[in-house]
Amino acid sequence: MKKTFKYKAKGNVLGNYWGGGQGSYPTINFEANTIDVLNTKINEALKDGSIDSGMGYESLIGAMMVIEIIETITIDNKEYNNSAFETKSYGELEEEEYNFLFECNLF
């Protein structure tokens, strides 16, 4: 028996518009073989601005990501997959911003 994991994430980023106001936009998709690598990729993209998939905010505040954890077990050369999901926030989100992004991820 062999067990492997894969992590995928997508969500919404919250940013400050040029000229005032805030809004949300879908993030780019992320993928990694460990949760630590996934978290690093997301934090780096939030820091360098590449997480917003081209929206072009003046500055970014944070992101809410839905992380899919895919566990694969191989038994006798047959693969069995199980997916679980969790939500995680990144950046410095206030409670109201956190709730706004959480609702954005519902749709």
C-alpha atoms as a PDB file:
ATOM      1  CA  MET A   1       0.000   0.000   0.000  1.00  0.00           C
ATOM      2  CA  LYS A   2       1.238   3.449  -0.934  1.00  0.00           C
ATOM      3  CA  LYS A   3      -0.291   6.730   0.255  1.00  0.00           C
ATOM      4  CA  THR A   4       0.308  10.118  -1.398  1.00  0.00           C
ATOM      5  CA  PHE A   5      -1.175  13.578  -0.999  1.00  0.00           C
ATOM      6  CA  LYS A   6      -1.740  16.462  -3.369  1.00  0.00           C
ATOM      7  CA  TYR A   7      -2.995  19.929  -2.450  1.00  0.00           C
ATOM      8  CA  LYS A   8      -4.923  22.307  -4.710  1.00  0.00           C
ATOM      9  CA  ALA A   9      -6.213  25.755  -3.831  1.00  0.00           C
ATOM     10  CA  LYS A  10      -8.335  28.462  -5.391  1.00  0.00           C
ATOM     11  CA  GLY A  11     -10.283  31.318  -3.931  1.00  0.00           C
ATOM     12  CA  ASN A  12     -10.713  35.067  -3.865  1.00  0.00           C
ATOM     13  CA  VAL A  13      -8.365  37.915  -3.109  1.00  0.00           C
ATOM     14  CA  LEU A  14      -9.348  41.220  -1.495  1.00  0.00           C
ATOM     15  CA  GLY A  15      -7.622  44.342  -2.715  1.00  0.00           C
ATOM     16  CA  ASN A  16      -7.706  48.117  -2.756  1.00  0.00           C
ATOM     17  CA  TYR A  17      -8.877  49.591  -6.058  1.00  0.00           C
ATOM     18  CA  TRP A  18      -6.962  52.405  -7.696  1.00  0.00           C
ATOM     19  CA  GLY A  19      -8.751  55.602  -6.686  1.00  0.00           C
ATOM     20  CA  GLY A  20     -10.480  54.117  -3.629  1.00  0.00           C
ATOM     21  CA  GLY A  21     -12.659  51.271  -2.506  1.00  0.00           C
ATOM     22  CA  GLN A  22     -12.105  47.565  -2.064  1.00  0.00           C
ATOM     23  CA  GLY A  23     -13.230  44.510  -3.929  1.00  0.00           C
ATOM     24  CA  SER A  24     -12.708  40.840  -4.523  1.00  0.00           C
ATOM     25  CA  TYR A  25     -11.474  38.930  -7.561  1.00  0.00           C
ATOM     26  CA  PRO A  26     -10.715  35.229  -8.178  1.00  0.00           C
ATOM     27  CA  THR A  27      -7.184  34.079  -7.468  1.00  0.00           C
ATOM     28  CA  ILE A  28      -4.956  32.021  -9.669  1.00  0.00           C
ATOM     29  CA  ASN A  29      -4.992  28.281  -8.957  1.00  0.00           C
ATOM     30  CA  PHE A  30      -2.285  26.675  -6.853  1.00  0.00           C
ATOM     31  CA  GLU A  31      -1.021  23.109  -6.596  1.00  0.00           C
ATOM     32  CA  ALA A  32       1.648  21.417  -4.476  1.00  0.00           C
ATOM     33  CA  ASN A  33       2.635  18.075  -2.983  1.00  0.00           C
ATOM     34  CA  THR A  34       2.816  19.391   0.594  1.00  0.00           C
ATOM     35  CA  ILE A  35       0.720  21.860   2.557  1.00  0.00           C
ATOM     36  CA  ASP A  36       3.854  23.831   3.505  1.00  0.00           C
ATOM     37  CA  VAL A  37       4.822  24.333  -0.135  1.00  0.00           C
ATOM     38  CA  LEU A  38       1.235  25.315  -0.982  1.00  0.00           C
ATOM     39  CA  ASN A  39       1.155  27.892   1.840  1.00  0.00           C
ATOM     40  CA  THR A  40       4.507  29.303   0.701  1.00  0.00           C
ATOM     41  CA  LYS A  41       3.298  29.658  -2.898  1.00  0.00           C
ATOM     42  CA  ILE A  42       0.117  31.429  -1.815  1.00  0.00           C
ATOM     43  CA  ASN A  43       1.921  33.789   0.587  1.00  0.00           C
ATOM     44  CA  GLU A  44       4.543  34.668  -2.040  1.00  0.00           C
ATOM     45  CA  ALA A  45       1.858  35.353  -4.663  1.00  0.00           C
ATOM     46  CA  LEU A  46      -0.033  37.548  -2.194  1.00  0.00           C
ATOM     47  CA  LYS A  47       3.169  39.437  -1.409  1.00  0.00           C
ATOM     48  CA  ASP A  48       4.271  39.975  -5.032  1.00  0.00           C
ATOM     49  CA  GLY A  49       0.745  40.658  -6.342  1.00  0.00           C
ATOM     50  CA  SER A  50       0.539  37.738  -8.764  1.00  0.00           C
ATOM     51  CA  ILE A  51      -2.305  36.065  -6.836  1.00  0.00           C
ATOM     52  CA  ASP A  52      -5.004  38.314  -8.342  1.00  0.00           C
ATOM     53  CA  SER A  53      -4.923  36.686 -11.811  1.00  0.00           C
ATOM     54  CA  GLY A  54      -4.434  40.021 -13.545  1.00  0.00           C
ATOM     55  CA  MET A  55      -6.970  42.284 -11.825  1.00  0.00           C
ATOM     56  CA  GLY A  56      -4.318  44.871 -11.006  1.00  0.00           C
ATOM     57  CA  TYR A  57      -5.202  46.217  -7.579  1.00  0.00           C
ATOM     58  CA  GLU A  58      -3.336  49.152  -6.078  1.00  0.00           C
ATOM     59  CA  SER A  59      -2.539  46.913  -3.111  1.00  0.00           C
ATOM     60  CA  LEU A  60      -3.658  43.559  -1.770  1.00  0.00           C
ATOM     61  CA  ILE A  61      -5.130  42.959   1.677  1.00  0.00           C
ATOM     62  CA  GLY A  62      -5.577  39.208   1.878  1.00  0.00           C
ATOM     63  CA  ALA A  63      -7.109  36.111   0.378  1.00  0.00           C
ATOM     64  CA  MET A  64      -9.518  33.338   1.299  1.00  0.00           C
ATOM     65  CA  MET A  65      -8.618  29.999  -0.258  1.00  0.00           C
ATOM     66  CA  VAL A  66     -10.510  26.738  -0.536  1.00  0.00           C
ATOM     67  CA  ILE A  67      -7.906  23.984  -0.267  1.00  0.00           C
ATOM     68  CA  GLU A  68      -8.608  20.554  -1.693  1.00  0.00           C
ATOM     69  CA  ILE A  69      -6.608  17.801  -0.011  1.00  0.00           C
ATOM     70  CA  ILE A  70      -6.422  14.789  -2.295  1.00  0.00           C
ATOM     71  CA  GLU A  71      -5.308  11.568  -0.653  1.00  0.00           C
ATOM     72  CA  THR A  72      -4.429   8.722  -3.004  1.00  0.00           C
ATOM     73  CA  ILE A  73      -3.970   5.177  -1.763  1.00  0.00           C
ATOM     74  CA  THR A  74      -2.567   2.582  -4.141  1.00  0.00           C
ATOM     75  CA  ILE A  75      -3.360  -1.049  -3.404  1.00  0.00           C
ATOM     76  CA  ASP A  76      -2.437  -3.790  -5.885  1.00  0.00           C
ATOM     77  CA  ASN A  77      -1.831  -1.157  -8.602  1.00  0.00           C
ATOM     78  CA  LYS A  78      -5.316   0.333  -8.143  1.00  0.00           C
ATOM     79  CA  GLU A  79      -5.639   3.945  -7.036  1.00  0.00           C
ATOM     80  CA  TYR A  80      -8.311   5.129  -4.625  1.00  0.00           C
ATOM     81  CA  ASN A  81      -8.782   8.871  -4.176  1.00  0.00           C
ATOM     82  CA  ASN A  82     -10.410  10.813  -1.392  1.00  0.00           C
ATOM     83  CA  SER A  83     -10.893  14.589  -1.407  1.00  0.00           C
ATOM     84  CA  ALA A  84     -11.425  16.769   1.626  1.00  0.00           C
ATOM     85  CA  PHE A  85     -11.795  20.540   1.666  1.00  0.00           C
ATOM     86  CA  GLU A  86     -10.816  23.271   4.095  1.00  0.00           C
ATOM     87  CA  THR A  87     -10.924  27.039   3.984  1.00  0.00           C
ATOM     88  CA  LYS A  88      -7.948  29.144   5.005  1.00  0.00           C
ATOM     89  CA  SER A  89      -7.290  32.879   5.019  1.00  0.00           C
ATOM     90  CA  TYR A  90      -4.025  34.582   4.170  1.00  0.00           C
ATOM     91  CA  GLY A  91      -2.858  38.119   4.825  1.00  0.00           C
ATOM     92  CA  GLU A  92      -4.136  40.575   7.394  1.00  0.00           C
ATOM     93  CA  LEU A  93      -7.924  40.350   7.201  1.00  0.00           C
ATOM     94  CA  GLU A  94     -10.208  42.088   9.653  1.00  0.00           C
ATOM     95  CA  GLU A  95     -13.340  40.198  10.712  1.00  0.00           C
ATOM     96  CA  GLU A  96     -15.586  42.043   8.226  1.00  0.00           C
ATOM     97  CA  GLU A  97     -13.123  41.403   5.367  1.00  0.00           C
ATOM     98  CA  TYR A  98     -12.822  37.744   6.370  1.00  0.00           C
ATOM     99  CA  ASN A  99     -16.615  37.347   6.314  1.00  0.00           C
ATOM    100  CA  PHE A 100     -16.871  39.125   2.946  1.00  0.00           C
ATOM    101  CA  LEU A 101     -14.285  36.794   1.349  1.00  0.00           C
ATOM    102  CA  PHE A 102     -15.873  33.756   2.958  1.00  0.00           C
ATOM    103  CA  GLU A 103     -19.168  34.674   1.285  1.00  0.00           C
ATOM    104  CA  CYS A 104     -17.376  35.274  -2.031  1.00  0.00           C
ATOM    105  CA  ASN A 105     -16.035  31.721  -1.899  1.00  0.00           C
ATOM    106  CA  LEU A 106     -19.542  30.284  -1.505  1.00  0.00           C
ATOM    107  CA  PHE A 107     -20.430  31.140  -5.097  1.00  0.00           C
END
